[in-house]
Amino acid sequence: MTTPDTRVMTAHVPIPLADQVDQLAARLERSRGWIVKQALSAFVEQEESRYRMTLEGLSDVDAGLTVDHAAVEAWAASLDTDSPLPPPSCG
């Protein structure tokens, strides 16, 4: 049943995934709809966060806040030595 602040959405999912949702719903004693809503909410939140971080990263690049590739390679190579280099800094 929908309420004024919800909307029904449909999706075709592979049978094995639908079976997993059913099993999870039974184990948690929740409805399939609740499981799908939780999963969809988590996915949307994750993708929004990924998008924000991408924009922040691009902003840093525009501002010149980058680390030289050669410096990162040298640092990474030093991690297997007895005298690892300090992590490179933005510059």
Protein backbone atom coordinates (compact mmCIF):
# COMPACT_ATOMS: atom_id res chain seq x y z
CA MET A 1 0.00 0.00 0.00
CA THR A 2 1.34 3.43 -0.86
CA THR A 3 0.99 6.60 1.13
CA PRO A 4 1.08 10.16 -0.20
CA ASP A 5 4.85 10.34 0.43
CA THR A 6 5.82 7.05 -1.23
CA ARG A 7 5.82 5.70 -4.75
CA VAL A 8 5.79 2.14 -6.07
CA MET A 9 8.77 1.20 -8.21
CA THR A 10 9.30 -2.07 -10.00
CA ALA A 11 12.47 -3.79 -11.12
CA HIS A 12 13.33 -7.09 -12.71
CA VAL A 13 15.99 -8.86 -10.64
CA PRO A 14 17.71 -12.18 -11.27
CA ILE A 15 16.01 -15.09 -9.53
CA PRO A 16 19.05 -15.91 -7.36
CA LEU A 17 19.09 -12.32 -6.05
CA ALA A 18 15.34 -12.41 -5.41
CA ASP A 19 15.83 -15.67 -3.51
CA GLN A 20 18.56 -14.06 -1.40
CA VAL A 21 16.24 -11.15 -0.60
CA ASP A 22 13.51 -13.60 0.42
CA GLN A 23 15.93 -15.53 2.65
CA LEU A 24 17.22 -12.33 4.25
CA ALA A 25 13.69 -11.08 4.82
CA ALA A 26 12.75 -14.34 6.51
CA ARG A 27 15.88 -14.37 8.66
CA LEU A 28 15.36 -10.75 9.76
CA GLU A 29 11.59 -11.19 10.03
CA ARG A 30 11.09 -8.19 7.75
CA SER A 31 9.25 -7.73 4.48
CA ARG A 32 10.91 -7.91 1.08
CA GLY A 33 9.98 -4.27 0.62
CA TRP A 34 11.83 -3.30 3.80
CA ILE A 35 14.95 -5.18 2.65
CA VAL A 36 14.87 -3.55 -0.79
CA LYS A 37 14.29 -0.10 0.70
CA GLN A 38 17.28 -0.52 3.04
CA ALA A 39 19.51 -1.73 0.23
CA LEU A 40 18.42 1.01 -2.15
CA SER A 41 18.89 3.70 0.51
CA ALA A 42 22.41 2.46 1.26
CA PHE A 43 23.30 2.33 -2.45
CA VAL A 44 22.00 5.84 -3.15
CA GLU A 45 23.85 7.23 -0.11
CA GLN A 46 27.07 5.52 -1.25
CA GLU A 47 26.77 6.88 -4.79
CA GLU A 48 25.99 10.40 -3.56
CA SER A 49 29.07 10.25 -1.34
CA ARG A 50 31.20 8.98 -4.24
CA TYR A 51 29.92 11.86 -6.41
CA ARG A 52 30.70 14.46 -3.70
CA MET A 53 34.19 13.05 -3.22
CA THR A 54 34.79 13.13 -6.98
CA LEU A 55 33.78 16.79 -7.14
CA GLU A 56 36.04 17.56 -4.15
CA GLY A 57 38.93 15.76 -5.84
CA LEU A 58 38.41 17.65 -9.08
CA SER A 59 38.30 20.89 -7.09
CA ASP A 60 41.62 19.97 -5.46
CA VAL A 61 43.14 19.32 -8.89
CA ASP A 62 41.89 22.69 -10.12
CA ALA A 63 43.50 24.30 -7.05
CA GLY A 64 46.80 22.55 -7.76
CA LEU A 65 46.58 20.29 -4.71
CA THR A 66 48.11 17.23 -6.32
CA VAL A 67 50.95 14.85 -5.55
CA ASP A 68 53.63 14.21 -8.15
CA HIS A 69 53.33 10.70 -9.61
CA ALA A 70 57.07 10.05 -9.41
CA ALA A 71 57.02 11.01 -5.72
CA VAL A 72 54.21 8.53 -5.06
CA GLU A 73 56.08 5.78 -6.92
CA ALA A 74 59.27 6.46 -4.96
CA TRP A 75 57.35 6.45 -1.67
CA ALA A 76 55.54 3.20 -2.54
CA ALA A 77 58.79 1.52 -3.58
CA SER A 78 60.39 2.58 -0.29
CA LEU A 79 57.74 0.83 1.81
CA ASP A 80 59.50 -2.52 1.34
CA THR A 81 62.82 -1.14 2.55
CA ASP A 82 64.35 -0.66 5.97
CA SER A 83 64.07 3.12 5.52
CA PRO A 84 60.65 3.99 4.10
CA LEU A 85 60.19 7.55 2.87
CA PRO A 86 57.58 9.79 4.47
CA PRO A 87 54.36 10.02 2.45
CA PRO A 88 54.57 12.68 -0.25
CA SER A 89 52.62 15.87 0.30
CA CYS A 90 50.51 18.01 -1.96
CA GLY A 91 52.30 20.77 -3.71
